[in-house]
PDB file of N, CA and C in Angstrom:
ATOM      1  N   MET A   1      20.790  17.630 145.968  1.00  0.00           N
ATOM      2  CA  MET A   1      19.775  16.533 145.845  1.00  0.00           C
ATOM      3  C   MET A   1      20.636  15.961 144.659  1.00  0.00           C
ATOM      4  N   ASN A   2      21.041  14.951 144.113  1.00  0.00           N
ATOM      5  CA  ASN A   2      21.302  14.197 142.964  1.00  0.00           C
ATOM      6  C   ASN A   2      20.008  14.058 142.237  1.00  0.00           C
ATOM      7  N   VAL A   3      20.331  14.340 140.820  1.00  0.00           N
ATOM      8  CA  VAL A   3      18.928  14.456 140.135  1.00  0.00           C
ATOM      9  C   VAL A   3      19.293  13.458 138.763  1.00  0.00           C
ATOM     10  N   GLY A   4      20.584  13.187 138.656  1.00  0.00           N
ATOM     11  CA  GLY A   4      21.062  12.656 137.327  1.00  0.00           C
ATOM     12  C   GLY A   4      22.317  12.005 137.245  1.00  0.00           C
ATOM     13  N   PHE A   5      22.689  11.139 136.606  1.00  0.00           N
ATOM     14  CA  PHE A   5      23.915  10.555 136.517  1.00  0.00           C
ATOM     15  C   PHE A   5      24.524  10.627 134.909  1.00  0.00           C
ATOM     16  N   PHE A   6      25.839  10.735 134.534  1.00  0.00           N
ATOM     17  CA  PHE A   6      26.607  10.834 133.334  1.00  0.00           C
ATOM     18  C   PHE A   6      27.957  10.227 133.049  1.00  0.00           C
ATOM     19  N   THR A   7      27.986   9.365 132.098  1.00  0.00           N
ATOM     20  CA  THR A   7      29.653   9.019 131.815  1.00  0.00           C
ATOM     21  C   THR A   7      30.213   9.792 130.601  1.00  0.00           C
ATOM     22  N   LYS A   8      31.365  10.370 130.658  1.00  0.00           N
ATOM     23  CA  LYS A   8      31.983  10.756 129.767  1.00  0.00           C
ATOM     24  C   LYS A   8      32.294   9.977 128.550  1.00  0.00           C
ATOM     25  N   GLN A   9      32.021  10.008 127.427  1.00  0.00           N
ATOM     26  CA  GLN A   9      32.486   9.203 126.077  1.00  0.00           C
ATOM     27  C   GLN A   9      33.637   9.699 125.362  1.00  0.00           C
ATOM     28  N   GLU A  10      34.108   9.043 124.730  1.00  0.00           N
ATOM     29  CA  GLU A  10      35.313   8.981 123.836  1.00  0.00           C
ATOM     30  C   GLU A  10      35.550  10.542 123.065  1.00  0.00           C
ATOM     31  N   ASP A  11      34.240  11.303 122.773  1.00  0.00           N
ATOM     32  CA  ASP A  11      34.359  12.236 121.699  1.00  0.00           C
ATOM     33  C   ASP A  11      34.318  13.322 122.620  1.00  0.00           C
ATOM     34  N   GLY A  12      34.296  13.422 124.024  1.00  0.00           N
ATOM     35  CA  GLY A  12      34.075  14.409 124.765  1.00  0.00           C
ATOM     36  C   GLY A  12      32.907  14.569 125.396  1.00  0.00           C
ATOM     37  N   ALA A  13      31.851  14.299 124.963  1.00  0.00           N
ATOM     38  CA  ALA A  13      30.541  14.218 125.385  1.00  0.00           C
ATOM     39  C   ALA A  13      30.311  13.672 126.539  1.00  0.00           C
ATOM     40  N   ILE A  14      29.191  14.285 127.421  1.00  0.00           N
ATOM     41  CA  ILE A  14      28.906  13.149 128.494  1.00  0.00           C
ATOM     42  C   ILE A  14      27.684  12.758 128.507  1.00  0.00           C
ATOM     43  N   PHE A  15      27.214  11.823 128.687  1.00  0.00           N
ATOM     44  CA  PHE A  15      25.964  11.135 128.273  1.00  0.00           C
ATOM     45  C   PHE A  15      25.142  10.590 129.393  1.00  0.00           C
ATOM     46  N   GLY A  16      23.619  10.833 129.698  1.00  0.00           N
ATOM     47  CA  GLY A  16      23.026  10.063 130.929  1.00  0.00           C
ATOM     48  C   GLY A  16      21.567  10.145 130.902  1.00  0.00           C
ATOM     49  N   SER A  17      21.279  10.317 131.998  1.00  0.00           N
ATOM     50  CA  SER A  17      19.926  10.787 132.253  1.00  0.00           C
ATOM     51  C   SER A  17      19.707  11.619 133.537  1.00  0.00           C
ATOM     52  N   LEU A  18      18.630  12.127 133.403  1.00  0.00           N
ATOM     53  CA  LEU A  18      18.083  13.061 134.354  1.00  0.00           C
ATOM     54  C   LEU A  18      16.441  12.235 134.873  1.00  0.00           C
ATOM     55  N   PRO A  19      16.816  11.197 135.623  1.00  0.00           N
ATOM     56  CA  PRO A  19      15.622  10.816 136.104  1.00  0.00           C
ATOM     57  C   PRO A  19      14.720  11.509 136.702  1.00  0.00           C
ATOM     58  N   THR A  20      14.941  12.362 137.718  1.00  0.00           N
ATOM     59  CA  THR A  20      14.040  13.318 138.452  1.00  0.00           C
ATOM     60  C   THR A  20      13.062  14.206 137.290  1.00  0.00           C
ATOM     61  N   LEU A  21      13.567  14.515 136.220  1.00  0.00           N
ATOM     62  CA  LEU A  21      13.085  15.267 135.085  1.00  0.00           C
ATOM     63  C   LEU A  21      12.607  14.175 134.323  1.00  0.00           C
ATOM     64  N   ARG A  22      12.680  12.949 134.380  1.00  0.00           N
ATOM     65  CA  ARG A  22      12.080  11.874 133.410  1.00  0.00           C
ATOM     66  C   ARG A  22      13.007  12.076 131.821  1.00  0.00           C
ATOM     67  N   LEU A  23      13.938  12.475 132.004  1.00  0.00           N
ATOM     68  CA  LEU A  23      14.788  12.453 130.891  1.00  0.00           C
ATOM     69  C   LEU A  23      15.844  11.507 130.744  1.00  0.00           C
ATOM     70  N   ASN A  24      15.796  10.770 129.648  1.00  0.00           N
ATOM     71  CA  ASN A  24      16.834   9.771 129.284  1.00  0.00           C
ATOM     72  C   ASN A  24      17.636   9.858 127.953  1.00  0.00           C
ATOM     73  N   GLY A  25      18.657   9.573 127.827  1.00  0.00           N
ATOM     74  CA  GLY A  25      19.580   9.926 126.695  1.00  0.00           C
ATOM     75  C   GLY A  25      19.690  11.298 126.487  1.00  0.00           C
ATOM     76  N   VAL A  26      20.069  12.208 127.471  1.00  0.00           N
ATOM     77  CA  VAL A  26      20.528  13.373 127.495  1.00  0.00           C
ATOM     78  C   VAL A  26      22.170  13.402 127.280  1.00  0.00           C
ATOM     79  N   SER A  27      22.461  13.935 126.161  1.00  0.00           N
ATOM     80  CA  SER A  27      23.895  14.412 125.697  1.00  0.00           C
ATOM     81  C   SER A  27      24.346  15.720 125.913  1.00  0.00           C
ATOM     82  N   ILE A  28      25.190  16.016 126.562  1.00  0.00           N
ATOM     83  CA  ILE A  28      26.023  17.150 126.734  1.00  0.00           C
ATOM     84  C   ILE A  28      27.370  17.074 125.827  1.00  0.00           C
ATOM     85  N   GLU A  29      27.327  17.953 124.761  1.00  0.00           N
ATOM     86  CA  GLU A  29      28.282  18.105 123.873  1.00  0.00           C
ATOM     87  C   GLU A  29      29.240  19.106 123.918  1.00  0.00           C
ATOM     88  N   PRO A  30      30.495  18.815 123.784  1.00  0.00           N
ATOM     89  CA  PRO A  30      31.483  20.302 123.371  1.00  0.00           C
ATOM     90  C   PRO A  30      30.998  21.245 122.080  1.00  0.00           C
ATOM     91  N   VAL A  31      31.132  22.062 122.267  1.00  0.00           N
ATOM     92  CA  VAL A  31      30.800  23.152 121.091  1.00  0.00           C
ATOM     93  C   VAL A  31      32.081  24.359 120.971  1.00  0.00           C
ATOM     94  N   ARG A  32      32.333  24.887 119.870  1.00  0.00           N
ATOM     95  CA  ARG A  32      33.466  25.703 120.014  1.00  0.00           C
ATOM     96  C   ARG A  32      32.827  27.282 120.250  1.00  0.00           C
ATOM     97  N   LYS A  33      33.489  27.323 121.667  1.00  0.00           N
ATOM     98  CA  LYS A  33      32.999  28.637 122.245  1.00  0.00           C
ATOM     99  C   LYS A  33      33.402  29.554 121.322  1.00  0.00           C
ATOM    100  N   GLN A  34      32.360  30.817 121.764  1.00  0.00           N
ATOM    101  CA  GLN A  34      32.238  32.055 120.691  1.00  0.00           C
ATOM    102  C   GLN A  34      32.099  32.980 121.992  1.00  0.00           C
ATOM    103  N   GLY A  35      32.823  33.883 122.401  1.00  0.00           N
ATOM    104  CA  GLY A  35      32.341  35.029 123.336  1.00  0.00           C
ATOM    105  C   GLY A  35      31.768  34.438 124.841  1.00  0.00           C
ATOM    106  N   ASN A  36      31.033  34.910 125.140  1.00  0.00           N
ATOM    107  CA  ASN A  36      30.453  34.430 126.479  1.00  0.00           C
ATOM    108  C   ASN A  36      29.419  33.041 126.303  1.00  0.00           C
ATOM    109  N   GLY A  37      29.508  32.383 124.872  1.00  0.00           N
ATOM    110  CA  GLY A  37      28.664  31.184 124.797  1.00  0.00           C
ATOM    111  C   GLY A  37      28.838  30.256 125.650  1.00  0.00           C
ATOM    112  N   PRO A  38      28.020  29.297 125.181  1.00  0.00           N
ATOM    113  CA  PRO A  38      27.890  28.022 126.180  1.00  0.00           C
ATOM    114  C   PRO A  38      29.339  26.977 125.875  1.00  0.00           C
ATOM    115  N   ASP A  39      30.182  26.092 126.538  1.00  0.00           N
ATOM    116  CA  ASP A  39      30.929  25.372 126.338  1.00  0.00           C
ATOM    117  C   ASP A  39      30.596  24.177 125.701  1.00  0.00           C
ATOM    118  N   PHE A  40      29.439  23.672 126.240  1.00  0.00           N
ATOM    119  CA  PHE A  40      28.599  22.493 125.809  1.00  0.00           C
ATOM    120  C   PHE A  40      27.284  22.533 125.433  1.00  0.00           C
ATOM    121  N   ILE A  41      26.622  22.213 124.544  1.00  0.00           N
ATOM    122  CA  ILE A  41      25.327  22.245 124.021  1.00  0.00           C
ATOM    123  C   ILE A  41      24.361  20.726 124.772  1.00  0.00           C
ATOM    124  N   ALA A  42      23.478  20.928 125.523  1.00  0.00           N
ATOM    125  CA  ALA A  42      22.658  19.678 126.092  1.00  0.00           C
ATOM    126  C   ALA A  42      21.532  19.363 125.077  1.00  0.00           C
ATOM    127  N   THR A  43      21.361  18.048 124.583  1.00  0.00           N
ATOM    128  CA  THR A  43      20.493  17.410 123.582  1.00  0.00           C
ATOM    129  C   THR A  43      19.679  16.583 124.316  1.00  0.00           C
ATOM    130  N   VAL A  44      18.386  16.152 123.766  1.00  0.00           N
ATOM    131  CA  VAL A  44      17.790  14.838 123.956  1.00  0.00           C
ATOM    132  C   VAL A  44      16.725  14.413 123.100  1.00  0.00           C
ATOM    133  N   GLU A  45      17.176  13.151 122.545  1.00  0.00           N
ATOM    134  CA  GLU A  45      16.719  12.859 121.049  1.00  0.00           C
ATOM    135  C   GLU A  45      16.766  13.675 120.175  1.00  0.00           C
ATOM    136  N   GLY A  46      17.710  14.655 119.834  1.00  0.00           N
ATOM    137  CA  GLY A  46      18.284  15.150 118.982  1.00  0.00           C
ATOM    138  C   GLY A  46      17.539  16.759 119.099  1.00  0.00           C
ATOM    139  N   ALA A  47      16.854  17.098 120.062  1.00  0.00           N
ATOM    140  CA  ALA A  47      16.296  18.647 120.323  1.00  0.00           C
ATOM    141  C   ALA A  47      17.198  19.038 121.572  1.00  0.00           C
ATOM    142  N   GLU A  48      17.347  20.288 121.093  1.00  0.00           N
ATOM    143  CA  GLU A  48      17.946  21.146 122.271  1.00  0.00           C
ATOM    144  C   GLU A  48      17.398  21.036 123.817  1.00  0.00           C
ATOM    145  N   LEU A  49      18.118  21.095 124.436  1.00  0.00           N
ATOM    146  CA  LEU A  49      17.773  21.097 126.135  1.00  0.00           C
ATOM    147  C   LEU A  49      18.066  22.297 126.478  1.00  0.00           C
ATOM    148  N   GLY A  50      19.345  22.655 126.244  1.00  0.00           N
ATOM    149  CA  GLY A  50      20.083  23.712 126.948  1.00  0.00           C
ATOM    150  C   GLY A  50      21.659  23.593 126.739  1.00  0.00           C
ATOM    151  N   ALA A  51      22.004  24.512 127.417  1.00  0.00           N
ATOM    152  CA  ALA A  51      23.532  24.530 127.453  1.00  0.00           C
ATOM    153  C   ALA A  51      24.169  24.353 128.971  1.00  0.00           C
ATOM    154  N   ALA A  52      25.551  24.522 128.929  1.00  0.00           N
ATOM    155  CA  ALA A  52      26.260  24.477 129.959  1.00  0.00           C
ATOM    156  C   ALA A  52      27.900  25.167 129.691  1.00  0.00           C
ATOM    157  N   TRP A  53      28.050  25.543 130.871  1.00  0.00           N
ATOM    158  CA  TRP A  53      29.533  26.343 130.906  1.00  0.00           C
ATOM    159  C   TRP A  53      30.630  25.794 132.029  1.00  0.00           C
ATOM    160  N   ASN A  54      32.003  25.692 131.436  1.00  0.00           N
ATOM    161  CA  ASN A  54      32.633  25.159 132.391  1.00  0.00           C
ATOM    162  C   ASN A  54      32.912  26.058 133.753  1.00  0.00           C
ATOM    163  N   LYS A  55      32.733  25.787 135.163  1.00  0.00           N
ATOM    164  CA  LYS A  55      33.006  26.816 136.297  1.00  0.00           C
ATOM    165  C   LYS A  55      33.638  25.934 137.323  1.00  0.00           C
ATOM    166  N   THR A  56      34.322  26.767 137.901  1.00  0.00           N
ATOM    167  CA  THR A  56      35.218  26.315 139.133  1.00  0.00           C
ATOM    168  C   THR A  56      34.650  26.878 140.292  1.00  0.00           C
ATOM    169  N   ALA A  57      34.175  26.225 141.592  1.00  0.00           N
ATOM    170  CA  ALA A  57      33.568  26.371 142.583  1.00  0.00           C
ATOM    171  C   ALA A  57      34.592  26.987 143.476  1.00  0.00           C
ATOM    172  N   GLY A  58      34.333  28.612 143.436  1.00  0.00           N
ATOM    173  CA  GLY A  58      35.441  28.995 144.630  1.00  0.00           C
ATOM    174  C   GLY A  58      36.874  29.429 143.848  1.00  0.00           C
ATOM    175  N   PRO A  59      37.632  30.120 144.776  1.00  0.00           N
ATOM    176  CA  PRO A  59      39.023  29.896 144.526  1.00  0.00           C
ATOM    177  C   PRO A  59      39.952  28.515 144.647  1.00  0.00           C
ATOM    178  N   GLY A  60      40.395  28.175 143.720  1.00  0.00           N
ATOM    179  CA  GLY A  60      41.161  26.639 143.958  1.00  0.00           C
ATOM    180  C   GLY A  60      40.256  25.661 144.111  1.00  0.00           C
ATOM    181  N   GLY A  61      39.281  25.859 143.718  1.00  0.00           N
ATOM    182  CA  GLY A  61      38.182  25.243 144.066  1.00  0.00           C
ATOM    183  C   GLY A  61      37.818  23.579 143.021  1.00  0.00           C
ATOM    184  N   ARG A  62      36.501  22.920 142.873  1.00  0.00           N
ATOM    185  CA  ARG A  62      36.358  21.797 142.369  1.00  0.00           C
ATOM    186  C   ARG A  62      35.730  22.540 140.845  1.00  0.00           C
ATOM    187  N   ALA A  63      36.006  21.957 139.961  1.00  0.00           N
ATOM    188  CA  ALA A  63      35.807  22.301 138.342  1.00  0.00           C
ATOM    189  C   ALA A  63      34.302  21.540 138.414  1.00  0.00           C
ATOM    190  N   TYR A  64      33.421  22.014 137.873  1.00  0.00           N
ATOM    191  CA  TYR A  64      32.370  21.387 137.256  1.00  0.00           C
ATOM    192  C   TYR A  64      31.655  22.280 136.170  1.00  0.00           C
ATOM    193  N   LEU A  65      30.427  21.624 135.614  1.00  0.00           N
ATOM    194  CA  LEU A  65      29.522  22.209 134.621  1.00  0.00           C
ATOM    195  C   LEU A  65      28.553  23.080 135.115  1.00  0.00           C
ATOM    196  N   SER A  66      27.893  24.026 134.644  1.00  0.00           N
ATOM    197  CA  SER A  66      26.759  24.902 134.921  1.00  0.00           C
ATOM    198  C   SER A  66      25.989  24.583 134.106  1.00  0.00           C
ATOM    199  N   LEU A  67      24.992  23.714 134.524  1.00  0.00           N
ATOM    200  CA  LEU A  67      23.998  23.260 133.243  1.00  0.00           C
ATOM    201  C   LEU A  67      22.783  24.553 133.167  1.00  0.00           C
ATOM    202  N   LYS A  68      21.999  24.633 132.108  1.00  0.00           N
ATOM    203  CA  LYS A  68      20.556  25.450 132.097  1.00  0.00           C
ATOM    204  C   LYS A  68      20.035  24.669 131.212  1.00  0.00           C
ATOM    205  N   ILE A  69      18.724  24.124 131.582  1.00  0.00           N
ATOM    206  CA  ILE A  69      17.692  23.467 130.921  1.00  0.00           C
ATOM    207  C   ILE A  69      16.647  24.618 130.585  1.00  0.00           C
ATOM    208  N   VAL A  70      16.296  24.540 129.575  1.00  0.00           N
ATOM    209  CA  VAL A  70      15.259  25.408 129.167  1.00  0.00           C
ATOM    210  C   VAL A  70      14.335  24.655 128.508  1.00  0.00           C
ATOM    211  N   ILE A  71      12.724  24.787 129.310  1.00  0.00           N
ATOM    212  CA  ILE A  71      11.830  24.182 128.781  1.00  0.00           C
ATOM    213  C   ILE A  71      10.558  25.341 128.637  1.00  0.00           C
ATOM    214  N   PRO A  72      10.194  25.217 127.333  1.00  0.00           N
ATOM    215  CA  PRO A  72       9.228  26.442 126.870  1.00  0.00           C
ATOM    216  C   PRO A  72       8.151  26.580 127.898  1.00  0.00           C
ATOM    217  N   GLY A  73       7.913  27.679 127.987  1.00  0.00           N
ATOM    218  CA  GLY A  73       6.891  27.763 129.490  1.00  0.00           C
ATOM    219  C   GLY A  73       6.884  27.920 130.426  1.00  0.00           C
ATOM    220  N   GLN A  74       8.377  27.432 130.910  1.00  0.00           N
ATOM    221  CA  GLN A  74       8.547  27.099 132.492  1.00  0.00           C
ATOM    222  C   GLN A  74      10.005  28.159 132.635  1.00  0.00           C
ATOM    223  N   GLU A  75       9.882  28.300 134.047  1.00  0.00           N
ATOM    224  CA  GLU A  75      11.497  28.664 134.322  1.00  0.00           C
ATOM    225  C   GLU A  75      12.703  27.979 133.919  1.00  0.00           C
ATOM    226  N   PRO A  76      13.746  28.589 133.626  1.00  0.00           N
ATOM    227  CA  PRO A  76      14.960  27.743 133.365  1.00  0.00           C
ATOM    228  C   PRO A  76      15.073  26.960 134.625  1.00  0.00           C
ATOM    229  N   LEU A  77      15.799  25.883 134.444  1.00  0.00           N
ATOM    230  CA  LEU A  77      16.329  24.874 135.745  1.00  0.00           C
ATOM    231  C   LEU A  77      18.072  25.069 135.487  1.00  0.00           C
ATOM    232  N   PHE A  78      18.289  25.238 136.838  1.00  0.00           N
ATOM    233  CA  PHE A  78      19.835  25.139 136.885  1.00  0.00           C
ATOM    234  C   PHE A  78      20.383  24.021 137.609  1.00  0.00           C
ATOM    235  N   MET A  79      21.482  23.452 137.679  1.00  0.00           N
ATOM    236  CA  MET A  79      22.095  22.576 138.004  1.00  0.00           C
ATOM    237  C   MET A  79      23.381  22.310 137.855  1.00  0.00           C
ATOM    238  N   ALA A  80      24.459  21.826 138.799  1.00  0.00           N
ATOM    239  CA  ALA A  80      25.932  21.533 138.454  1.00  0.00           C
ATOM    240  C   ALA A  80      26.279  20.142 138.321  1.00  0.00           C
ATOM    241  N   ILE A  81      27.043  19.945 137.552  1.00  0.00           N
ATOM    242  CA  ILE A  81      27.345  18.564 136.935  1.00  0.00           C
ATOM    243  C   ILE A  81      29.113  18.386 137.581  1.00  0.00           C
ATOM    244  N   PHE A  82      28.840  17.472 138.601  1.00  0.00           N
ATOM    245  CA  PHE A  82      30.562  17.296 138.682  1.00  0.00           C
ATOM    246  C   PHE A  82      31.005  16.164 138.788  1.00  0.00           C
ATOM    247  N   GLN A  83      32.419  15.755 138.354  1.00  0.00           N
ATOM    248  CA  GLN A  83      32.862  14.576 137.990  1.00  0.00           C
ATOM    249  C   GLN A  83      33.244  13.822 139.610  1.00  0.00           C
ATOM    250  N   GLN A  84      32.776  12.292 139.328  1.00  0.00           N
ATOM    251  CA  GLN A  84      33.005  11.595 140.458  1.00  0.00           C
ATOM    252  C   GLN A  84      34.363  11.043 140.723  1.00  0.00           C
ATOM    253  N   PRO A  85      34.728  10.573 141.817  1.00  0.00           N
ATOM    254  CA  PRO A  85      36.284   9.803 142.015  1.00  0.00           C
ATOM    255  C   PRO A  85      36.007   8.614 140.973  1.00  0.00           C
ATOM    256  N   THR A  86      34.921   8.097 140.693  1.00  0.00           N
ATOM    257  CA  THR A  86      35.697   7.190 139.545  1.00  0.00           C
ATOM    258  C   THR A  86      35.468   7.698 137.734  1.00  0.00           C
ATOM    259  N   GLU A  87      36.841   7.566 137.300  1.00  0.00           N
ATOM    260  CA  GLU A  87      36.920   8.072 136.329  1.00  0.00           C
ATOM    261  C   GLU A  87      35.602   8.268 135.197  1.00  0.00           C
ATOM    262  N   GLY A  88      35.818   9.179 134.750  1.00  0.00           N
ATOM    263  CA  GLY A  88      34.635   9.129 133.614  1.00  0.00           C
ATOM    264  C   GLY A  88      33.094   9.309 134.081  1.00  0.00           C
ATOM    265  N   GLU A  89      32.928   9.466 135.389  1.00  0.00           N
ATOM    266  CA  GLU A  89      31.174   9.470 135.837  1.00  0.00           C
ATOM    267  C   GLU A  89      31.119  10.783 136.564  1.00  0.00           C
ATOM    268  N   TYR A  90      29.796  11.281 136.490  1.00  0.00           N
ATOM    269  CA  TYR A  90      29.538  12.525 136.957  1.00  0.00           C
ATOM    270  C   TYR A  90      28.154  12.317 137.608  1.00  0.00           C
ATOM    271  N   VAL A  91      27.719  13.113 138.235  1.00  0.00           N
ATOM    272  CA  VAL A  91      26.502  13.396 139.002  1.00  0.00           C
ATOM    273  C   VAL A  91      26.009  14.930 138.609  1.00  0.00           C
ATOM    274  N   ALA A  92      24.959  14.907 138.360  1.00  0.00           N
ATOM    275  CA  ALA A  92      23.880  16.330 138.720  1.00  0.00           C
ATOM    276  C   ALA A  92      23.609  16.612 139.629  1.00  0.00           C
ATOM    277  N   VAL A  93      23.432  17.642 140.274  1.00  0.00           N
ATOM    278  CA  VAL A  93      23.242  18.255 141.663  1.00  0.00           C
ATOM    279  C   VAL A  93      22.074  19.168 141.322  1.00  0.00           C
ATOM    280  N   TRP A  94      21.089  19.276 141.979  1.00  0.00           N
ATOM    281  CA  TRP A  94      20.323  20.455 141.635  1.00  0.00           C
ATOM    282  C   TRP A  94      19.837  20.783 143.153  1.00  0.00           C
ATOM    283  N   SER A  95      19.618  22.169 143.545  1.00  0.00           N
ATOM    284  CA  SER A  95      19.211  22.778 144.801  1.00  0.00           C
ATOM    285  C   SER A  95      18.343  23.685 144.619  1.00  0.00           C
ATOM    286  N   GLU A  96      17.439  24.109 145.486  1.00  0.00           N
ATOM    287  CA  GLU A  96      16.375  24.808 145.193  1.00  0.00           C
ATOM    288  C   GLU A  96      16.937  26.395 145.557  1.00  0.00           C
ATOM    289  N   PRO A  97      16.490  26.951 144.176  1.00  0.00           N
ATOM    290  CA  PRO A  97      16.850  28.479 144.151  1.00  0.00           C
ATOM    291  C   PRO A  97      16.460  29.436 145.241  1.00  0.00           C
ATOM    292  N   LYS A  98      17.501  29.946 145.343  1.00  0.00           N
ATOM    293  CA  LYS A  98      17.294  31.149 146.515  1.00  0.00           C
ATOM    294  C   LYS A  98      16.067  32.186 146.210  1.00  0.00           C
ATOM    295  N   PRO A  99      15.415  32.469 147.174  1.00  0.00           N
ATOM    296  CA  PRO A  99      14.259  33.325 147.082  1.00  0.00           C
ATOM    297  C   PRO A  99      15.018  34.610 146.334  1.00  0.00           C
ATOM    298  N   LYS A 100      14.469  35.467 145.265  1.00  0.00           N
ATOM    299  CA  LYS A 100      15.004  36.883 145.264  1.00  0.00           C
ATOM    300  C   LYS A 100      14.537  37.733 146.521  1.00  0.00           C
ATOM    301  N   GLU A 101      15.431  38.898 146.446  1.00  0.00           N
ATOM    302  CA  GLU A 101      15.174  39.504 147.663  1.00  0.00           C
ATOM    303  C   GLU A 101      14.236  40.506 147.089  1.00  0.00           C
ATOM    304  N   ALA A 102      13.226  41.237 147.873  1.00  0.00           N
ATOM    305  CA  ALA A 102      11.958  42.135 147.784  1.00  0.00           C
ATOM    306  C   ALA A 102      12.873  43.583 147.618  1.00  0.00           C
TER     307      ALA A 102
END
């Protein structure tokens, strides 16, 4: 399910919205990676929203950003952000988490 749309900016940030979550003005900005730390920090209106890591889907697969959104008092939300065929355009995709085995 597509939940958001982004455009790459000249400074390397990805800017857009997550209408499904009613979040406009989301900025995913590159940071200097330290250890297992994130490759990007996500903010909205200057407040930290979450973090993203560069990932690849399977061997020789498609590159994407794995975005983790943290909302206090709720379970984290995870989504993938894939580049689209149009240069600089991205789409955020979310799927229902798999149930944990008992």
